[in-house]
Amino acid sequence: MRKLLFVLLLLVVCVVALGVYLDWFHFSFRDKDTGKVDIGVTVDKDKMKQDAEKAKDKVKGLGSHTKTTTENAKTSEPPPEK
């Protein structure tokens, strides 16, 4: 059970770190005069959607590149034997 919780915590930390790196999340801190601190989190859903579409396009591009490379390999002649 501890291993599962550790894996889930690690997954959450990785997603948050990736989100901060890709500007999906922004954190803000503000100290009030009352001795309290306001912590704000802003989530940029549009940026997340754009990045998801870019990732899908890259994966599709890799798939078509692999397909054409495979087709070219099938149609080309084998190297001469020595």
C-alpha atoms as a PDB file:
ATOM      1  CA  MET A   1       0.000   0.000   0.000  1.00  0.00           C
ATOM      2  CA  ARG A   2       2.865   2.364   0.768  1.00  0.00           C
ATOM      3  CA  LYS A   3       4.418   1.703  -2.618  1.00  0.00           C
ATOM      4  CA  LEU A   4       1.158   2.603  -4.355  1.00  0.00           C
ATOM      5  CA  LEU A   5       0.862   5.861  -2.424  1.00  0.00           C
ATOM      6  CA  PHE A   6       4.489   6.682  -3.164  1.00  0.00           C
ATOM      7  CA  VAL A   7       3.958   6.071  -6.898  1.00  0.00           C
ATOM      8  CA  LEU A   8       0.828   8.246  -6.909  1.00  0.00           C
ATOM      9  CA  LEU A   9       2.618  11.030  -5.038  1.00  0.00           C
ATOM     10  CA  LEU A  10       5.553  10.819  -7.442  1.00  0.00           C
ATOM     11  CA  LEU A  11       3.155  10.979 -10.401  1.00  0.00           C
ATOM     12  CA  VAL A  12       1.454  14.088  -8.988  1.00  0.00           C
ATOM     13  CA  VAL A  13       4.816  15.779  -8.386  1.00  0.00           C
ATOM     14  CA  CYS A  14       5.920  15.000 -11.956  1.00  0.00           C
ATOM     15  CA  VAL A  15       2.691  16.382 -13.449  1.00  0.00           C
ATOM     16  CA  VAL A  16       2.938  19.566 -11.386  1.00  0.00           C
ATOM     17  CA  ALA A  17       6.606  20.009 -12.311  1.00  0.00           C
ATOM     18  CA  LEU A  18       5.829  19.489 -15.998  1.00  0.00           C
ATOM     19  CA  GLY A  19       2.883  21.875 -15.740  1.00  0.00           C
ATOM     20  CA  VAL A  20       5.014  24.595 -14.197  1.00  0.00           C
ATOM     21  CA  TYR A  21       7.730  24.053 -16.820  1.00  0.00           C
ATOM     22  CA  LEU A  22       5.215  24.271 -19.685  1.00  0.00           C
ATOM     23  CA  ASP A  23       3.415  27.258 -18.101  1.00  0.00           C
ATOM     24  CA  TRP A  24       0.198  25.339 -17.437  1.00  0.00           C
ATOM     25  CA  PHE A  25       0.220  26.360 -13.781  1.00  0.00           C
ATOM     26  CA  HIS A  26       1.181  29.617 -12.132  1.00  0.00           C
ATOM     27  CA  PHE A  27       1.519  30.058  -8.391  1.00  0.00           C
ATOM     28  CA  SER A  28       1.245  33.391  -6.616  1.00  0.00           C
ATOM     29  CA  PHE A  29       1.938  34.289  -3.004  1.00  0.00           C
ATOM     30  CA  ARG A  30       0.802  37.447  -1.267  1.00  0.00           C
ATOM     31  CA  ASP A  31       1.464  38.409   2.325  1.00  0.00           C
ATOM     32  CA  LYS A  32      -1.347  40.292   3.979  1.00  0.00           C
ATOM     33  CA  ASP A  33      -0.921  42.778   6.785  1.00  0.00           C
ATOM     34  CA  THR A  34      -2.890  40.454   9.066  1.00  0.00           C
ATOM     35  CA  GLY A  35      -0.034  37.967   9.168  1.00  0.00           C
ATOM     36  CA  LYS A  36      -1.732  35.583   6.729  1.00  0.00           C
ATOM     37  CA  VAL A  37      -0.439  34.518   3.343  1.00  0.00           C
ATOM     38  CA  ASP A  38      -2.668  34.134   0.302  1.00  0.00           C
ATOM     39  CA  ILE A  39      -1.598  31.422  -2.087  1.00  0.00           C
ATOM     40  CA  GLY A  40      -3.118  31.388  -5.553  1.00  0.00           C
ATOM     41  CA  VAL A  41      -2.982  28.847  -8.351  1.00  0.00           C
ATOM     42  CA  THR A  42      -3.854  29.721 -11.931  1.00  0.00           C
ATOM     43  CA  VAL A  43      -4.446  26.952 -14.478  1.00  0.00           C
ATOM     44  CA  ASP A  44      -4.120  27.816 -18.176  1.00  0.00           C
ATOM     45  CA  LYS A  45      -6.493  25.308 -19.791  1.00  0.00           C
ATOM     46  CA  ASP A  46      -6.050  26.784 -23.270  1.00  0.00           C
ATOM     47  CA  LYS A  47      -2.269  26.265 -23.106  1.00  0.00           C
ATOM     48  CA  MET A  48      -2.834  22.676 -21.968  1.00  0.00           C
ATOM     49  CA  LYS A  49      -5.144  22.026 -24.944  1.00  0.00           C
ATOM     50  CA  GLN A  50      -2.676  23.588 -27.378  1.00  0.00           C
ATOM     51  CA  ASP A  51       0.172  21.464 -26.036  1.00  0.00           C
ATOM     52  CA  ALA A  52      -1.990  18.325 -26.203  1.00  0.00           C
ATOM     53  CA  GLU A  53      -2.797  19.034 -29.862  1.00  0.00           C
ATOM     54  CA  LYS A  54       0.891  19.627 -30.640  1.00  0.00           C
ATOM     55  CA  ALA A  55       1.768  16.308 -28.994  1.00  0.00           C
ATOM     56  CA  LYS A  56      -0.922  14.492 -31.002  1.00  0.00           C
ATOM     57  CA  ASP A  57       0.369  16.022 -34.237  1.00  0.00           C
ATOM     58  CA  LYS A  58       3.935  14.964 -33.416  1.00  0.00           C
ATOM     59  CA  VAL A  59       2.833  11.409 -32.693  1.00  0.00           C
ATOM     60  CA  LYS A  60       0.886  11.288 -35.952  1.00  0.00           C
ATOM     61  CA  GLY A  61       3.929  12.644 -37.782  1.00  0.00           C
ATOM     62  CA  LEU A  62       6.126   9.959 -36.255  1.00  0.00           C
ATOM     63  CA  GLY A  63       3.628   7.306 -37.295  1.00  0.00           C
ATOM     64  CA  SER A  64       3.532   8.475 -40.906  1.00  0.00           C
ATOM     65  CA  HIS A  65       7.342   8.792 -40.954  1.00  0.00           C
ATOM     66  CA  THR A  66       7.678   5.224 -39.700  1.00  0.00           C
ATOM     67  CA  LYS A  67       5.143   4.014 -42.252  1.00  0.00           C
ATOM     68  CA  THR A  68       6.967   5.622 -45.192  1.00  0.00           C
ATOM     69  CA  THR A  69      10.326   4.375 -43.926  1.00  0.00           C
ATOM     70  CA  THR A  70       8.949   0.847 -43.667  1.00  0.00           C
ATOM     71  CA  GLU A  71       7.430   1.031 -47.159  1.00  0.00           C
ATOM     72  CA  ASN A  72      10.712   2.318 -48.593  1.00  0.00           C
ATOM     73  CA  ALA A  73      12.597  -0.493 -46.910  1.00  0.00           C
ATOM     74  CA  LYS A  74      10.229  -3.079 -48.400  1.00  0.00           C
ATOM     75  CA  THR A  75      10.585  -1.715 -51.936  1.00  0.00           C
ATOM     76  CA  SER A  76      14.325  -1.180 -51.927  1.00  0.00           C
ATOM     77  CA  GLU A  77      16.733  -3.862 -53.006  1.00  0.00           C
ATOM     78  CA  PRO A  78      18.703  -5.713 -50.349  1.00  0.00           C
ATOM     79  CA  PRO A  79      22.395  -4.891 -50.098  1.00  0.00           C
ATOM     80  CA  PRO A  80      24.666  -7.058 -52.240  1.00  0.00           C
ATOM     81  CA  GLU A  81      26.201 -10.075 -50.529  1.00  0.00           C
ATOM     82  CA  LYS A  82      29.967 -10.311 -50.246  1.00  0.00           C
END
